[in-house]
Amino acid sequence: MPPIKKIVMWLVVIFLVYAILTAPNEAADMFSAAWDFTVRAVSNIAEFFDSLINE
């Protein structure tokens, strides 16, 4: 099973490099959207636990 994991990881890395080299603006937009999603998710989780503690 580990060799498959390694192969898939390399394929993902190669795809990311290809996407960045062929369309840098779109890749930056996708990264920005993913970052915004992550920040909102962490913020919402923190707000949820804060509301549990303060109530």
PDB file of N, CA and C in Angstrom:
ATOM      1  N   MET A   1       0.798  -1.204   0.000  1.00  0.00           N
ATOM      2  CA  MET A   1       0.000   0.000   0.000  1.00  0.00           C
ATOM      3  C   MET A   1       0.846   1.275   0.000  1.00  0.00           C
ATOM      4  N   PRO A   2       1.938   1.374   0.734  1.00  0.00           N
ATOM      5  CA  PRO A   2       2.729   2.600   0.729  1.00  0.00           C
ATOM      6  C   PRO A   2       3.230   3.040  -0.654  1.00  0.00           C
ATOM      7  N   PRO A   3       3.631   2.128  -1.565  1.00  0.00           N
ATOM      8  CA  PRO A   3       4.078   2.611  -2.875  1.00  0.00           C
ATOM      9  C   PRO A   3       2.973   3.369  -3.621  1.00  0.00           C
ATOM     10  N   ILE A   4       1.725   2.958  -3.453  1.00  0.00           N
ATOM     11  CA  ILE A   4       0.622   3.660  -4.114  1.00  0.00           C
ATOM     12  C   ILE A   4       0.498   5.070  -3.551  1.00  0.00           C
ATOM     13  N   LYS A   5       0.655   5.191  -2.253  1.00  0.00           N
ATOM     14  CA  LYS A   5       0.573   6.505  -1.607  1.00  0.00           C
ATOM     15  C   LYS A   5       1.664   7.433  -2.147  1.00  0.00           C
ATOM     16  N   LYS A   6       2.860   6.898  -2.316  1.00  0.00           N
ATOM     17  CA  LYS A   6       3.978   7.679  -2.846  1.00  0.00           C
ATOM     18  C   LYS A   6       3.708   8.114  -4.286  1.00  0.00           C
ATOM     19  N   ILE A   7       3.185   7.214  -5.088  1.00  0.00           N
ATOM     20  CA  ILE A   7       2.891   7.519  -6.494  1.00  0.00           C
ATOM     21  C   ILE A   7       1.830   8.612  -6.583  1.00  0.00           C
ATOM     22  N   VAL A   8       0.778   8.487  -5.787  1.00  0.00           N
ATOM     23  CA  VAL A   8      -0.286   9.486  -5.810  1.00  0.00           C
ATOM     24  C   VAL A   8       0.247  10.840  -5.349  1.00  0.00           C
ATOM     25  N   MET A   9       1.084  10.847  -4.343  1.00  0.00           N
ATOM     26  CA  MET A   9       1.663  12.102  -3.855  1.00  0.00           C
ATOM     27  C   MET A   9       2.499  12.764  -4.938  1.00  0.00           C
ATOM     28  N   TRP A  10       3.317  11.998  -5.639  1.00  0.00           N
ATOM     29  CA  TRP A  10       4.128  12.562  -6.722  1.00  0.00           C
ATOM     30  C   TRP A  10       3.254  13.088  -7.849  1.00  0.00           C
ATOM     31  N   LEU A  11       2.180  12.384  -8.168  1.00  0.00           N
ATOM     32  CA  LEU A  11       1.259  12.850  -9.205  1.00  0.00           C
ATOM     33  C   LEU A  11       0.611  14.173  -8.814  1.00  0.00           C
ATOM     34  N   VAL A  12       0.246  14.309  -7.557  1.00  0.00           N
ATOM     35  CA  VAL A  12      -0.335  15.562  -7.077  1.00  0.00           C
ATOM     36  C   VAL A  12       0.685  16.688  -7.159  1.00  0.00           C
ATOM     37  N   VAL A  13       1.915  16.428  -6.751  1.00  0.00           N
ATOM     38  CA  VAL A  13       2.968  17.447  -6.811  1.00  0.00           C
ATOM     39  C   VAL A  13       3.233  17.864  -8.257  1.00  0.00           C
ATOM     40  N   ILE A  14       3.318  16.887  -9.146  1.00  0.00           N
ATOM     41  CA  ILE A  14       3.563  17.192 -10.564  1.00  0.00           C
ATOM     42  C   ILE A  14       2.408  18.013 -11.132  1.00  0.00           C
ATOM     43  N   PHE A  15       1.170  17.654 -10.782  1.00  0.00           N
ATOM     44  CA  PHE A  15       0.024  18.417 -11.252  1.00  0.00           C
ATOM     45  C   PHE A  15       0.058  19.847 -10.740  1.00  0.00           C
ATOM     46  N   LEU A  16       0.399  20.034  -9.465  1.00  0.00           N
ATOM     47  CA  LEU A  16       0.463  21.391  -8.906  1.00  0.00           C
ATOM     48  C   LEU A  16       1.523  22.234  -9.599  1.00  0.00           C
ATOM     49  N   VAL A  17       2.680  21.654  -9.840  1.00  0.00           N
ATOM     50  CA  VAL A  17       3.739  22.382 -10.539  1.00  0.00           C
ATOM     51  C   VAL A  17       3.290  22.732 -11.956  1.00  0.00           C
ATOM     52  N   TYR A  18       2.664  21.782 -12.639  1.00  0.00           N
ATOM     53  CA  TYR A  18       2.154  22.023 -13.989  1.00  0.00           C
ATOM     54  C   TYR A  18       1.112  23.148 -13.982  1.00  0.00           C
ATOM     55  N   ALA A  19       0.188  23.112 -13.025  1.00  0.00           N
ATOM     56  CA  ALA A  19      -0.859  24.129 -12.950  1.00  0.00           C
ATOM     57  C   ALA A  19      -0.270  25.508 -12.680  1.00  0.00           C
ATOM     58  N   ILE A  20       0.727  25.570 -11.818  1.00  0.00           N
ATOM     59  CA  ILE A  20       1.352  26.860 -11.501  1.00  0.00           C
ATOM     60  C   ILE A  20       2.120  27.401 -12.694  1.00  0.00           C
ATOM     61  N   LEU A  21       2.807  26.533 -13.417  1.00  0.00           N
ATOM     62  CA  LEU A  21       3.603  26.989 -14.553  1.00  0.00           C
ATOM     63  C   LEU A  21       2.749  27.371 -15.762  1.00  0.00           C
ATOM     64  N   THR A  22       1.635  26.687 -15.972  1.00  0.00           N
ATOM     65  CA  THR A  22       0.830  26.968 -17.161  1.00  0.00           C
ATOM     66  C   THR A  22      -0.198  28.073 -16.927  1.00  0.00           C
ATOM     67  N   ALA A  23      -0.671  28.246 -15.702  1.00  0.00           N
ATOM     68  CA  ALA A  23      -1.678  29.266 -15.410  1.00  0.00           C
ATOM     69  C   ALA A  23      -1.444  29.842 -14.019  1.00  0.00           C
ATOM     70  N   PRO A  24      -0.445  30.689 -13.876  1.00  0.00           N
ATOM     71  CA  PRO A  24      -0.103  31.186 -12.537  1.00  0.00           C
ATOM     72  C   PRO A  24      -1.212  32.029 -11.897  1.00  0.00           C
ATOM     73  N   ASN A  25      -1.926  32.821 -12.688  1.00  0.00           N
ATOM     74  CA  ASN A  25      -2.988  33.654 -12.099  1.00  0.00           C
ATOM     75  C   ASN A  25      -4.126  32.807 -11.558  1.00  0.00           C
ATOM     76  N   GLU A  26      -4.534  31.800 -12.321  1.00  0.00           N
ATOM     77  CA  GLU A  26      -5.599  30.927 -11.863  1.00  0.00           C
ATOM     78  C   GLU A  26      -5.158  30.104 -10.658  1.00  0.00           C
ATOM     79  N   ALA A  27      -3.910  29.676 -10.654  1.00  0.00           N
ATOM     80  CA  ALA A  27      -3.388  28.922  -9.509  1.00  0.00           C
ATOM     81  C   ALA A  27      -3.377  29.800  -8.258  1.00  0.00           C
ATOM     82  N   ALA A  28      -3.005  31.062  -8.417  1.00  0.00           N
ATOM     83  CA  ALA A  28      -3.009  31.984  -7.279  1.00  0.00           C
ATOM     84  C   ALA A  28      -4.430  32.215  -6.784  1.00  0.00           C
ATOM     85  N   ASP A  29      -5.384  32.325  -7.708  1.00  0.00           N
ATOM     86  CA  ASP A  29      -6.780  32.494  -7.312  1.00  0.00           C
ATOM     87  C   ASP A  29      -7.294  31.281  -6.549  1.00  0.00           C
ATOM     88  N   MET A  30      -6.930  30.086  -7.021  1.00  0.00           N
ATOM     89  CA  MET A  30      -7.361  28.864  -6.334  1.00  0.00           C
ATOM     90  C   MET A  30      -6.738  28.779  -4.941  1.00  0.00           C
ATOM     91  N   PHE A  31      -5.467  29.131  -4.829  1.00  0.00           N
ATOM     92  CA  PHE A  31      -4.807  29.101  -3.527  1.00  0.00           C
ATOM     93  C   PHE A  31      -5.448  30.112  -2.589  1.00  0.00           C
ATOM     94  N   SER A  32      -5.742  31.287  -3.106  1.00  0.00           N
ATOM     95  CA  SER A  32      -6.384  32.325  -2.300  1.00  0.00           C
ATOM     96  C   SER A  32      -7.752  31.864  -1.810  1.00  0.00           C
ATOM     97  N   ALA A  33      -8.521  31.247  -2.683  1.00  0.00           N
ATOM     98  CA  ALA A  33      -9.844  30.745  -2.294  1.00  0.00           C
ATOM     99  C   ALA A  33      -9.722  29.642  -1.249  1.00  0.00           C
ATOM    100  N   ALA A  34      -8.767  28.748  -1.437  1.00  0.00           N
ATOM    101  CA  ALA A  34      -8.561  27.672  -0.459  1.00  0.00           C
ATOM    102  C   ALA A  34      -8.127  28.240   0.889  1.00  0.00           C
ATOM    103  N   TRP A  35      -7.267  29.253   0.873  1.00  0.00           N
ATOM    104  CA  TRP A  35      -6.802  29.887   2.111  1.00  0.00           C
ATOM    105  C   TRP A  35      -7.964  30.571   2.818  1.00  0.00           C
ATOM    106  N   ASP A  36      -8.796  31.304   2.060  1.00  0.00           N
ATOM    107  CA  ASP A  36      -9.953  31.962   2.658  1.00  0.00           C
ATOM    108  C   ASP A  36     -10.901  30.949   3.282  1.00  0.00           C
ATOM    109  N   PHE A  37     -11.127  29.834   2.592  1.00  0.00           N
ATOM    110  CA  PHE A  37     -11.990  28.780   3.123  1.00  0.00           C
ATOM    111  C   PHE A  37     -11.425  28.235   4.430  1.00  0.00           C
ATOM    112  N   THR A  38     -10.120  27.989   4.466  1.00  0.00           N
ATOM    113  CA  THR A  38      -9.478  27.454   5.670  1.00  0.00           C
ATOM    114  C   THR A  38      -9.579  28.433   6.829  1.00  0.00           C
ATOM    115  N   VAL A  39      -9.328  29.708   6.548  1.00  0.00           N
ATOM    116  CA  VAL A  39      -9.406  30.721   7.607  1.00  0.00           C
ATOM    117  C   VAL A  39     -10.828  30.823   8.144  1.00  0.00           C
ATOM    118  N   ARG A  40     -11.815  30.825   7.253  1.00  0.00           N
ATOM    119  CA  ARG A  40     -13.215  30.893   7.700  1.00  0.00           C
ATOM    120  C   ARG A  40     -13.594  29.660   8.513  1.00  0.00           C
ATOM    121  N   ALA A  41     -13.136  28.489   8.088  1.00  0.00           N
ATOM    122  CA  ALA A  41     -13.461  27.262   8.814  1.00  0.00           C
ATOM    123  C   ALA A  41     -12.876  27.286  10.224  1.00  0.00           C
ATOM    124  N   VAL A  42     -11.623  27.666  10.341  1.00  0.00           N
ATOM    125  CA  VAL A  42     -10.979  27.726  11.660  1.00  0.00           C
ATOM    126  C   VAL A  42     -11.656  28.778  12.526  1.00  0.00           C
ATOM    127  N   SER A  43     -11.999  29.913  11.945  1.00  0.00           N
ATOM    128  CA  SER A  43     -12.677  30.969  12.687  1.00  0.00           C
ATOM    129  C   SER A  43     -14.039  30.505  13.189  1.00  0.00           C
ATOM    130  N   ASN A  44     -14.781  29.799  12.336  1.00  0.00           N
ATOM    131  CA  ASN A  44     -16.095  29.312  12.747  1.00  0.00           C
ATOM    132  C   ASN A  44     -15.988  28.254  13.837  1.00  0.00           C
ATOM    133  N   ILE A  45     -15.004  27.385  13.739  1.00  0.00           N
ATOM    134  CA  ILE A  45     -14.798  26.368  14.782  1.00  0.00           C
ATOM    135  C   ILE A  45     -14.430  27.040  16.099  1.00  0.00           C
ATOM    136  N   ALA A  46     -13.561  28.045  16.040  1.00  0.00           N
ATOM    137  CA  ALA A  46     -13.180  28.769  17.254  1.00  0.00           C
ATOM    138  C   ALA A  46     -14.383  29.495  17.851  1.00  0.00           C
ATOM    139  N   GLU A  47     -15.210  30.091  17.012  1.00  0.00           N
ATOM    140  CA  GLU A  47     -16.409  30.774  17.493  1.00  0.00           C
ATOM    141  C   GLU A  47     -17.379  29.780  18.144  1.00  0.00           C
ATOM    142  N   PHE A  48     -17.500  28.599  17.553  1.00  0.00           N
ATOM    143  CA  PHE A  48     -18.365  27.564  18.117  1.00  0.00           C
ATOM    144  C   PHE A  48     -17.904  27.170  19.516  1.00  0.00           C
ATOM    145  N   PHE A  49     -16.612  26.871  19.670  1.00  0.00           N
ATOM    146  CA  PHE A  49     -16.114  26.466  20.981  1.00  0.00           C
ATOM    147  C   PHE A  49     -16.153  27.620  21.972  1.00  0.00           C
ATOM    148  N   ASP A  50     -15.941  28.832  21.496  1.00  0.00           N
ATOM    149  CA  ASP A  50     -16.040  29.994  22.378  1.00  0.00           C
ATOM    150  C   ASP A  50     -17.466  30.148  22.893  1.00  0.00           C
ATOM    151  N   SER A  51     -18.446  29.936  22.025  1.00  0.00           N
ATOM    152  CA  SER A  51     -19.832  30.032  22.468  1.00  0.00           C
ATOM    153  C   SER A  51     -20.189  28.918  23.451  1.00  0.00           C
ATOM    154  N   LEU A  52     -19.578  27.745  23.278  1.00  0.00           N
ATOM    155  CA  LEU A  52     -19.827  26.663  24.251  1.00  0.00           C
ATOM    156  C   LEU A  52     -19.246  27.008  25.614  1.00  0.00           C
ATOM    157  N   ILE A  53     -18.090  27.616  25.633  1.00  0.00           N
ATOM    158  CA  ILE A  53     -17.433  27.943  26.898  1.00  0.00           C
ATOM    159  C   ILE A  53     -18.130  29.082  27.602  1.00  0.00           C
ATOM    160  N   ASN A  54     -18.558  30.077  26.852  1.00  0.00           N
ATOM    161  CA  ASN A  54     -19.138  31.287  27.460  1.00  0.00           C
ATOM    162  C   ASN A  54     -20.611  31.161  27.812  1.00  0.00           C
ATOM    163  N   GLU A  55     -21.273  30.098  27.404  1.00  0.00           N
ATOM    164  CA  GLU A  55     -22.696  29.972  27.745  1.00  0.00           C
ATOM    165  C   GLU A  55     -22.910  29.099  28.929  1.00  0.00           C
TER     166      GLU A  55
END
